[in-house]
Amino acid sequence: MVGLRGGCVNLKQDNILVLDLGSSENTAIARWIRELGVYSEIHPHDITSQNIEQLKTVKGIILNGGKNNIIDGEAIDVLDEIYSLNIPVISVNHPSTKALKTLEQWPSEEETKALLKDFVFHTCKAEANWNMKNFIDDQVALIRKQVGDKKVLLALSGGVDSSVVAALLIKAIGKQLVCVHVNHGLMRKNESEGVIQMFEKDLEENLVYVDASERFLGKLKGVAESEEKRKIIGNEFIRVFEEEARKLEGIDFLAQGTIYPDIVESGTKTHKVVKSHHNVGGLPEDLKFELVEPLFQLFKDEVRACGVELGLPHDMVYRQPFPGPGLGVRVLGEIEPDRLEAVRESDAILREEFALAGLDQKVWQYFTVVPNFKSVGVRNNERTYEYPVIIRAVNTVDALTATVEQIEWPILLKITDRIINEVKNINRVCYDLSPKPGGTIEWE
């Protein structure tokens, strides 16, 4: 795969393409094929035969139709030229007279997996050569080819995605990597200190710390709409990196920990935006760097597997995800100082108690949210008018769907008691029972 968003080139792995003709099952199909040990990518319906040939290792094509197959009032279709490639094609929920097989819809999950296995191995003759070792070898070669002797600037948040990118880039280009950790004032309690401690030994002088708290919070003052907040944060990140790059020599590339769910949720040709991720929808049009995004086609569990293969510590690889906009999307509406501090402190309590209960290894993501409304409460026999804290704890494989973790009552009571008594301006604690879909994982 190439690290530039918009296309992939596999050097070793066979590839089964899923062409998006409006299905909501694209990601499930691609994941099931990958579970067979064969790489699979999702591409737009209007990909050209030349683009497919450039991918080099395509062994089969799935036309995946669905309810979103109408664009600008017209039904969409693939280009006729793809049928001339001598690559097996099957069509599901999409009329095609030229495909080897056409199905009205995917059968049950078990039968679909059996159908995919037969198509991938018997019809397409693909090899089960999709694994993290091959992926890393490919990426190392492609990064070296893309970057040459130039330097790469990495936005290092300290989260799983950017940490795995850092390890991959260190393996590929070593001292050509410069990592910049920006404290935007929206980090969790002691987060920036932990990032510096974790990476400064390995990166030495190539780790730059920038405290831009006042700058970011100033830009966000008075901004309440979540999409606008995300885009402001994304744009300001790039500006900070540009400023840091000007202090260095030979910085032509910007690396990011973009992963596949970020791109899916930021919108495709047949699917509307769920939410813009700061590293996708928030990038400025006049970006001065060429992007290096080696993980952009990986699901979250694959990113973790990549980190393990690279030898990263278990605690780093399996830490819970933290969004690029940080606590900015957990302070609902305008980011006010008192609510920002309440989120930071309540989140620290939640993480501490989950660790004590062993839930930090069981629950995929857990955090607190403080909304922009108050309610009446009682403290020391006096009336209060303060904010609630909402606890969110979910499990997921790919971040595209999620289930709610059932927390034991005594644990919730202890967390509630601590938050109410230890966090200023809070008089209620609520537990979010909404799965995804229904709600998203984050509130904004």
Protein backbone atom coordinates (compact mmCIF):
# COMPACT_ATOMS: atom_id res chain seq x y z
CA MET A 1 0.00 0.00 0.00
CA VAL A 2 1.15 3.49 -0.67
CA GLY A 3 0.97 5.91 2.25
CA LEU A 4 -0.85 8.59 0.26
CA ARG A 5 -4.59 8.76 0.81
CA GLY A 6 -6.68 7.86 -2.22
CA GLY A 7 -5.03 4.67 -3.44
CA CYS A 8 -2.97 1.70 -2.40
CA VAL A 9 -0.29 -0.37 -4.06
CA ASN A 10 0.47 -3.76 -2.53
CA LEU A 11 3.93 -5.10 -3.26
CA LYS A 12 3.34 -8.62 -1.93
CA GLN A 13 -0.27 -9.14 -0.88
CA ASP A 14 -2.97 -10.36 -3.21
CA ASN A 15 -5.90 -7.95 -3.24
CA ILE A 16 -9.68 -8.37 -3.52
CA LEU A 17 -11.37 -5.08 -4.40
CA VAL A 18 -14.80 -4.15 -3.05
CA LEU A 19 -16.29 -1.48 -5.30
CA ASP A 20 -18.66 0.82 -3.43
CA LEU A 21 -22.02 0.97 -5.17
CA GLY A 22 -23.96 2.22 -2.16
CA SER A 23 -23.78 -0.71 0.25
CA SER A 24 -23.60 -0.26 4.01
CA GLU A 25 -21.81 -3.63 4.21
CA ASN A 26 -18.59 -2.66 2.42
CA THR A 27 -16.45 -2.62 5.55
CA ALA A 28 -17.87 -5.91 6.83
CA ILE A 29 -17.10 -7.64 3.52
CA ALA A 30 -13.55 -6.25 3.42
CA ARG A 31 -12.94 -7.28 7.03
CA TRP A 32 -14.19 -10.83 6.46
CA ILE A 33 -11.87 -11.20 3.47
CA ARG A 34 -8.94 -9.94 5.55
CA GLU A 35 -9.84 -12.47 8.25
CA LEU A 36 -9.21 -15.14 5.59
CA GLY A 37 -5.64 -13.85 5.36
CA VAL A 38 -6.22 -12.07 2.05
CA TYR A 39 -5.96 -8.30 1.73
CA SER A 40 -9.07 -6.37 0.65
CA GLU A 41 -9.64 -2.69 -0.15
CA ILE A 42 -12.75 -0.61 -0.75
CA HIS A 43 -12.69 1.67 -3.79
CA PRO A 44 -15.24 3.99 -5.44
CA HIS A 45 -17.54 2.58 -8.10
CA ASP A 46 -15.97 4.66 -10.87
CA ILE A 47 -12.39 3.40 -10.47
CA THR A 48 -10.79 3.00 -13.91
CA SER A 49 -9.21 -0.12 -15.36
CA GLN A 50 -5.90 1.75 -15.44
CA ASN A 51 -6.14 2.44 -11.69
CA ILE A 52 -6.87 -1.24 -11.04
CA GLU A 53 -3.93 -2.33 -13.17
CA GLN A 54 -1.68 0.01 -11.17
CA LEU A 55 -2.63 -1.89 -8.02
CA LYS A 56 -0.78 -4.85 -9.61
CA THR A 57 -1.99 -7.66 -7.34
CA VAL A 58 -5.78 -7.51 -7.75
CA LYS A 59 -7.15 -11.06 -7.92
CA GLY A 60 -10.89 -10.40 -7.76
CA ILE A 61 -13.55 -7.68 -7.76
CA ILE A 62 -16.82 -7.50 -5.80
CA LEU A 63 -19.50 -5.07 -6.98
CA ASN A 64 -21.34 -4.23 -3.78
CA GLY A 65 -24.66 -2.46 -4.34
CA GLY A 66 -27.04 -1.00 -1.79
CA LYS A 67 -29.58 1.64 -0.87
CA ASN A 68 -27.16 4.53 -1.43
CA ASN A 69 -26.63 3.74 -5.12
CA ILE A 70 -28.26 6.96 -6.34
CA ILE A 71 -26.10 10.05 -6.88
CA ASP A 72 -27.61 13.27 -8.25
CA GLY A 73 -30.83 11.41 -9.06
CA GLU A 74 -29.18 8.70 -11.17
CA ALA A 75 -28.27 5.09 -10.41
CA ILE A 76 -24.52 4.57 -10.36
CA ASP A 77 -22.60 1.80 -12.12
CA VAL A 78 -19.04 0.66 -12.68
CA LEU A 79 -17.12 1.46 -15.84
CA ASP A 80 -17.54 -1.20 -18.54
CA GLU A 81 -13.78 -1.30 -19.02
CA ILE A 82 -13.18 -3.16 -15.74
CA TYR A 83 -14.73 -6.32 -17.26
CA SER A 84 -11.92 -6.47 -19.83
CA LEU A 85 -9.21 -6.95 -17.20
CA ASN A 86 -9.49 -10.74 -17.04
CA ILE A 87 -10.17 -10.48 -13.29
CA PRO A 88 -13.11 -12.45 -11.77
CA VAL A 89 -16.07 -10.22 -10.90
CA ILE A 90 -19.12 -11.00 -8.78
CA SER A 91 -22.03 -8.63 -8.24
CA VAL A 92 -24.29 -8.37 -5.19
CA ASN A 93 -27.43 -6.25 -5.03
CA HIS A 94 -26.43 -4.66 -8.32
CA PRO A 95 -27.54 -5.70 -11.82
CA SER A 96 -24.68 -6.93 -13.98
CA THR A 97 -24.82 -9.17 -17.06
CA LYS A 98 -21.03 -9.42 -17.29
CA ALA A 99 -20.19 -10.64 -13.78
CA LEU A 100 -19.41 -14.31 -13.20
CA LYS A 101 -22.09 -14.45 -10.52
CA THR A 102 -24.89 -12.06 -9.57
CA LEU A 103 -26.73 -12.24 -6.23
CA GLU A 104 -29.79 -10.25 -5.22
CA GLN A 105 -28.36 -9.78 -1.73
CA TRP A 106 -25.76 -11.17 0.64
CA PRO A 107 -27.02 -14.30 2.45
CA SER A 108 -26.68 -14.85 6.20
CA GLU A 109 -23.31 -14.01 7.76
CA GLU A 110 -22.18 -17.64 7.92
CA GLU A 111 -23.15 -18.32 4.27
CA THR A 112 -21.60 -15.01 3.15
CA LYS A 113 -18.29 -15.96 4.73
CA ALA A 114 -18.42 -19.35 2.99
CA LEU A 115 -19.25 -17.67 -0.33
CA LEU A 116 -16.36 -15.22 0.08
CA LYS A 117 -13.95 -18.02 0.95
CA ASP A 118 -14.91 -19.94 -2.20
CA PHE A 119 -14.66 -16.84 -4.39
CA VAL A 120 -11.33 -15.68 -2.93
CA PHE A 121 -9.48 -19.00 -2.97
CA HIS A 122 -11.12 -21.13 -5.66
CA THR A 123 -12.31 -18.58 -8.21
CA CYS A 124 -9.65 -15.89 -7.74
CA LYS A 125 -6.79 -18.24 -6.73
CA ALA A 126 -5.64 -15.69 -4.14
CA GLU A 127 -3.01 -16.60 -1.57
CA ALA A 128 -3.43 -16.04 2.16
CA ASN A 129 -0.44 -13.71 2.42
CA TRP A 130 -1.99 -10.76 4.28
CA ASN A 131 -0.21 -10.44 7.62
CA MET A 132 1.47 -7.72 9.62
CA LYS A 133 5.00 -8.84 8.82
CA ASN A 134 4.38 -8.49 5.08
CA PHE A 135 2.50 -5.24 5.65
CA ILE A 136 5.40 -3.74 7.62
CA ASP A 137 7.95 -4.90 5.03
CA ASP A 138 5.87 -3.28 2.28
CA GLN A 139 5.43 -0.05 4.21
CA VAL A 140 9.10 0.26 5.06
CA ALA A 141 9.98 -0.08 1.36
CA LEU A 142 7.27 2.33 0.25
CA ILE A 143 8.09 4.95 2.89
CA ARG A 144 11.75 4.87 1.88
CA LYS A 145 10.78 5.23 -1.76
CA GLN A 146 8.37 8.08 -1.06
CA VAL A 147 10.56 10.03 1.36
CA GLY A 148 14.04 9.45 -0.04
CA ASP A 149 16.58 11.40 2.02
CA LYS A 150 14.09 14.04 3.19
CA LYS A 151 12.79 14.52 6.71
CA VAL A 152 9.31 13.64 7.95
CA LEU A 153 7.39 15.57 10.59
CA LEU A 154 5.03 13.37 12.64
CA ALA A 155 2.13 14.67 14.69
CA LEU A 156 2.72 12.55 17.80
CA SER A 157 -0.29 12.64 20.09
CA GLY A 158 0.89 9.65 22.10
CA GLY A 159 -2.19 7.66 21.12
CA VAL A 160 -2.09 4.18 19.58
CA ASP A 161 -2.26 5.30 15.94
CA SER A 162 0.46 7.95 16.02
CA SER A 163 2.67 5.75 18.22
CA VAL A 164 2.49 2.88 15.72
CA VAL A 165 3.24 5.31 12.88
CA ALA A 166 6.25 6.57 14.85
CA ALA A 167 7.59 3.05 15.33
CA LEU A 168 7.06 2.23 11.65
CA LEU A 169 8.79 5.41 10.52
CA ILE A 170 11.71 4.89 12.91
CA LYS A 171 12.14 1.42 11.37
CA ALA A 172 11.96 2.86 7.85
CA ILE A 173 13.91 6.14 8.06
CA GLY A 174 15.38 6.43 11.57
CA LYS A 175 16.79 9.88 12.29
CA GLN A 176 14.96 11.40 9.33
CA LEU A 177 11.88 11.41 11.57
CA VAL A 178 11.09 14.44 13.71
CA CYS A 179 8.18 14.01 16.12
CA VAL A 180 6.24 17.02 17.34
CA HIS A 181 3.92 16.72 20.31
CA VAL A 182 1.52 19.63 20.53
CA ASN A 183 -0.27 20.28 23.79
CA HIS A 184 -3.43 22.00 22.56
CA GLY A 185 -4.82 22.47 26.04
CA LEU A 186 -7.32 19.68 25.43
CA MET A 187 -5.22 16.77 26.67
CA ARG A 188 -6.16 14.37 29.46
CA LYS A 189 -4.65 14.89 32.90
CA ASN A 190 -0.84 14.45 32.77
CA GLU A 191 -1.10 13.26 29.13
CA SER A 192 1.60 15.45 27.65
CA GLU A 193 4.02 14.67 30.46
CA GLY A 194 3.50 10.96 29.80
CA VAL A 195 4.10 11.34 26.05
CA ILE A 196 7.39 13.14 26.63
CA GLN A 197 8.56 10.54 29.13
CA MET A 198 7.57 7.68 26.82
CA PHE A 199 9.32 8.87 23.67
CA GLU A 200 12.18 11.19 24.57
CA LYS A 201 14.65 8.33 25.21
CA ASP A 202 14.12 6.80 21.76
CA LEU A 203 13.81 10.04 19.81
CA GLU A 204 16.30 12.15 21.79
CA GLU A 205 16.69 15.53 20.07
CA ASN A 206 14.11 14.57 17.43
CA LEU A 207 11.18 15.05 19.82
CA VAL A 208 9.81 18.60 19.89
CA TYR A 209 7.30 19.68 22.55
CA VAL A 210 5.06 22.65 21.80
CA ASP A 211 2.72 24.13 24.42
CA ALA A 212 0.05 25.79 22.28
CA SER A 213 -2.75 25.68 24.86
CA GLU A 214 -3.54 29.39 24.86
CA ARG A 215 -3.37 29.54 21.06
CA PHE A 216 -5.89 26.72 20.51
CA LEU A 217 -8.28 27.75 23.26
CA GLY A 218 -8.23 31.31 21.92
CA LYS A 219 -9.17 30.11 18.42
CA LEU A 220 -11.99 28.01 19.91
CA LYS A 221 -13.46 30.74 22.09
CA GLY A 222 -17.15 31.21 21.32
CA VAL A 223 -17.25 28.19 18.96
CA ALA A 224 -20.03 25.74 19.87
CA GLU A 225 -20.66 23.64 16.74
CA SER A 226 -18.77 20.33 16.84
CA GLU A 227 -17.78 20.17 13.16
CA GLU A 228 -16.42 23.71 13.33
CA LYS A 229 -14.42 22.84 16.45
CA ARG A 230 -12.89 19.81 14.74
CA LYS A 231 -11.92 21.80 11.66
CA ILE A 232 -10.42 24.64 13.69
CA ILE A 233 -8.35 22.15 15.68
CA GLY A 234 -7.24 20.32 12.52
CA ASN A 235 -6.30 23.53 10.74
CA GLU A 236 -4.43 24.92 13.74
CA PHE A 237 -2.48 21.67 14.12
CA ILE A 238 -1.21 22.04 10.57
CA ARG A 239 -0.25 25.68 11.16
CA VAL A 240 1.75 24.72 14.26
CA PHE A 241 3.54 21.99 12.33
CA GLU A 242 4.32 24.38 9.49
CA GLU A 243 5.86 26.79 11.96
CA GLU A 244 7.96 24.03 13.53
CA ALA A 245 9.02 22.78 10.08
CA ARG A 246 10.32 26.24 9.17
CA LYS A 247 12.69 25.99 12.12
CA LEU A 248 14.15 22.80 10.65
CA GLU A 249 15.73 21.88 7.31
CA GLY A 250 14.47 19.49 4.67
CA ILE A 251 10.95 18.90 6.04
CA ASP A 252 8.79 18.07 3.02
CA PHE A 253 6.52 15.42 4.52
CA LEU A 254 3.86 15.31 7.21
CA ALA A 255 3.03 11.92 8.76
CA GLN A 256 -0.33 11.26 10.41
CA GLY A 257 -1.93 8.38 12.27
CA THR A 258 -4.95 8.34 9.97
CA ILE A 259 -6.74 4.97 9.95
CA TYR A 260 -9.55 3.62 7.80
CA PRO A 261 -12.55 4.40 10.08
CA ASP A 262 -11.42 8.08 10.11
CA ILE A 263 -11.87 8.21 6.34
CA VAL A 264 -15.16 6.27 6.27
CA GLU A 265 -16.79 8.52 8.89
CA SER A 266 -15.57 11.64 7.11
CA GLY A 267 -17.69 10.73 4.06
CA THR A 268 -17.45 8.81 0.77
CA LYS A 269 -19.07 9.25 -2.63
CA THR A 270 -22.12 7.24 -1.56
CA HIS A 271 -22.22 7.89 2.18
CA LYS A 272 -22.74 11.15 4.04
CA VAL A 273 -20.36 12.50 6.66
CA VAL A 274 -20.82 11.02 10.15
CA LYS A 275 -18.25 13.44 11.54
CA SER A 276 -15.16 15.07 10.10
CA HIS A 277 -11.96 13.79 11.67
CA HIS A 278 -9.46 16.60 12.23
CA ASN A 279 -6.84 14.75 10.14
CA VAL A 280 -9.28 14.23 7.24
CA GLY A 281 -11.98 16.90 7.01
CA GLY A 282 -9.95 19.46 8.94
CA LEU A 283 -6.93 19.65 6.65
CA PRO A 284 -6.42 23.04 4.98
CA GLU A 285 -6.57 23.27 1.18
CA ASP A 286 -3.16 24.99 1.02
CA LEU A 287 -1.35 22.20 2.85
CA LYS A 288 2.41 22.70 2.41
CA PHE A 289 3.39 19.07 3.02
CA GLU A 290 3.09 15.79 1.17
CA LEU A 291 1.22 13.37 3.45
CA VAL A 292 2.65 10.11 4.74
CA GLU A 293 -0.20 8.00 6.14
CA PRO A 294 0.96 4.37 6.24
CA LEU A 295 -1.96 3.12 8.36
CA PHE A 296 -4.80 4.74 6.47
CA GLN A 297 -6.30 1.46 5.24
CA LEU A 298 -6.04 -0.41 8.56
CA PHE A 299 -8.83 -1.07 11.02
CA LYS A 300 -8.09 -0.41 14.69
CA ASP A 301 -7.43 -4.04 15.60
CA GLU A 302 -5.00 -4.29 12.68
CA VAL A 303 -3.19 -1.16 13.90
CA ARG A 304 -2.71 -2.83 17.29
CA ALA A 305 -1.47 -6.03 15.59
CA CYS A 306 1.00 -3.91 13.64
CA GLY A 307 2.23 -2.32 16.87
CA VAL A 308 2.77 -5.73 18.46
CA GLU A 309 4.72 -6.90 15.38
CA LEU A 310 6.87 -3.76 15.64
CA GLY A 311 7.69 -4.60 19.26
CA LEU A 312 5.89 -1.73 20.98
CA PRO A 313 5.07 -2.22 24.70
CA HIS A 314 1.73 -3.86 25.46
CA ASP A 315 0.49 -0.89 27.51
CA MET A 316 1.14 1.45 24.60
CA VAL A 317 -0.48 -0.74 21.96
CA TYR A 318 -3.61 -1.50 23.97
CA ARG A 319 -4.22 1.87 25.56
CA GLN A 320 -7.65 3.29 24.86
CA PRO A 321 -8.06 5.55 21.83
CA PHE A 322 -8.00 9.31 22.30
CA PRO A 323 -9.47 11.56 19.58
CA GLY A 324 -7.29 14.12 17.83
CA PRO A 325 -9.47 17.03 19.05
CA GLY A 326 -8.99 15.64 22.55
CA LEU A 327 -11.29 16.83 25.30
CA GLY A 328 -12.57 19.48 22.89
CA VAL A 329 -15.25 17.04 21.70
CA ARG A 330 -16.07 15.97 25.26
CA VAL A 331 -16.90 19.49 26.42
CA LEU A 332 -20.15 19.82 24.50
CA GLY A 333 -20.79 23.15 22.84
CA GLU A 334 -18.44 26.04 23.57
CA ILE A 335 -15.27 24.97 25.40
CA GLU A 336 -15.53 26.75 28.74
CA PRO A 337 -12.69 26.57 31.32
CA ASP A 338 -14.79 25.20 34.19
CA ARG A 339 -16.29 22.39 32.09
CA LEU A 340 -12.93 21.57 30.48
CA GLU A 341 -11.42 21.12 33.93
CA ALA A 342 -14.42 19.03 35.03
CA VAL A 343 -13.97 16.70 32.05
CA ARG A 344 -10.23 16.39 32.71
CA GLU A 345 -10.66 15.57 36.41
CA SER A 346 -13.65 13.23 36.02
CA ASP A 347 -11.87 11.39 33.20
CA ALA A 348 -8.84 10.87 35.46
CA ILE A 349 -11.07 9.41 38.19
CA LEU A 350 -12.80 7.10 35.69
CA ARG A 351 -9.49 5.83 34.31
CA GLU A 352 -8.09 5.28 37.81
CA GLU A 353 -11.12 3.31 38.98
CA PHE A 354 -11.33 1.26 35.77
CA ALA A 355 -7.67 0.29 36.22
CA LEU A 356 -8.29 -0.75 39.85
CA ALA A 357 -11.25 -2.89 38.74
CA GLY A 358 -9.36 -4.48 35.83
CA LEU A 359 -11.73 -2.88 33.33
CA ASP A 360 -8.94 -1.00 31.55
CA GLN A 361 -7.98 -4.25 29.81
CA LYS A 362 -11.58 -5.28 29.13
CA VAL A 363 -13.21 -2.10 27.82
CA TRP A 364 -12.07 -0.71 24.47
CA GLN A 365 -12.79 2.97 25.19
CA TYR A 366 -14.10 4.82 28.23
CA PHE A 367 -14.31 8.51 29.02
CA THR A 368 -16.46 11.28 30.47
CA VAL A 369 -18.46 14.05 28.83
CA VAL A 370 -19.73 17.30 30.32
CA PRO A 371 -22.72 18.83 28.47
CA ASN A 372 -23.53 22.52 28.27
CA PHE A 373 -26.53 22.54 30.61
CA LYS A 374 -27.02 22.51 34.37
CA SER A 375 -29.46 20.90 36.78
CA VAL A 376 -30.55 21.46 40.37
CA GLY A 377 -28.80 19.43 43.08
CA VAL A 378 -28.02 19.44 46.79
CA ARG A 379 -24.64 19.75 48.52
CA ASN A 380 -24.17 20.28 52.29
CA ASN A 381 -27.91 20.82 52.62
CA GLU A 382 -27.77 23.68 50.15
CA ARG A 383 -29.16 24.00 46.63
CA THR A 384 -26.67 23.69 43.79
CA TYR A 385 -27.04 24.45 40.09
CA GLU A 386 -24.24 22.56 38.38
CA TYR A 387 -23.31 20.32 35.45
CA PRO A 388 -23.76 16.57 35.03
CA VAL A 389 -20.95 14.19 34.01
CA ILE A 390 -21.82 11.48 31.50
CA ILE A 391 -19.78 8.25 31.50
CA ARG A 392 -19.26 6.40 28.21
CA ALA A 393 -17.75 2.88 28.07
CA VAL A 394 -17.92 0.85 24.85
CA ASN A 395 -16.42 -2.18 23.13
CA THR A 396 -15.78 -2.49 19.41
CA VAL A 397 -13.55 -4.22 16.86
CA ASP A 398 -13.44 -1.68 14.05
CA ALA A 399 -14.87 1.53 15.62
CA LEU A 400 -17.70 1.44 13.06
CA THR A 401 -20.10 -0.30 15.45
CA ALA A 402 -19.94 -0.49 19.25
CA THR A 403 -21.68 -2.12 22.22
CA VAL A 404 -22.02 -0.71 25.73
CA GLU A 405 -20.06 -2.33 28.55
CA GLN A 406 -22.20 -3.51 31.49
CA ILE A 407 -20.39 -2.13 34.52
CA GLU A 408 -21.06 -3.68 37.92
CA TRP A 409 -23.20 -1.48 40.14
CA PRO A 410 -20.73 -1.09 43.07
CA ILE A 411 -18.05 0.15 40.64
CA LEU A 412 -20.42 2.73 39.14
CA LEU A 413 -21.47 3.87 42.62
CA LYS A 414 -17.85 4.35 43.67
CA ILE A 415 -17.03 6.33 40.52
CA THR A 416 -20.17 8.44 40.98
CA ASP A 417 -19.35 9.20 44.59
CA ARG A 418 -15.80 10.26 43.73
CA ILE A 419 -16.79 12.47 40.82
CA ILE A 420 -19.54 14.27 42.75
CA ASN A 421 -17.30 14.84 45.77
CA GLU A 422 -13.97 15.54 44.06
CA VAL A 423 -14.82 17.43 40.86
CA LYS A 424 -15.86 21.07 41.02
CA ASN A 425 -19.14 22.24 39.44
CA ILE A 426 -20.59 18.70 39.13
CA ASN A 427 -23.71 17.43 40.94
CA ARG A 428 -24.87 14.47 38.81
CA VAL A 429 -23.35 11.42 37.09
CA CYS A 430 -25.11 9.58 34.24
CA TYR A 431 -24.20 6.40 32.30
CA ASP A 432 -24.66 6.37 28.52
CA LEU A 433 -26.41 3.16 27.39
CA SER A 434 -26.49 3.96 23.66
CA PRO A 435 -24.84 1.51 21.22
CA LYS A 436 -23.37 2.49 17.84
CA PRO A 437 -25.25 2.89 15.57
CA GLY A 438 -27.77 4.83 17.49
CA GLY A 439 -25.14 7.07 19.01
CA THR A 440 -21.56 7.43 17.83
CA ILE A 441 -18.71 6.49 20.17
CA GLU A 442 -17.90 10.13 20.92
CA TRP A 443 -20.66 12.63 21.66
CA GLU A 444 -19.40 15.14 19.10
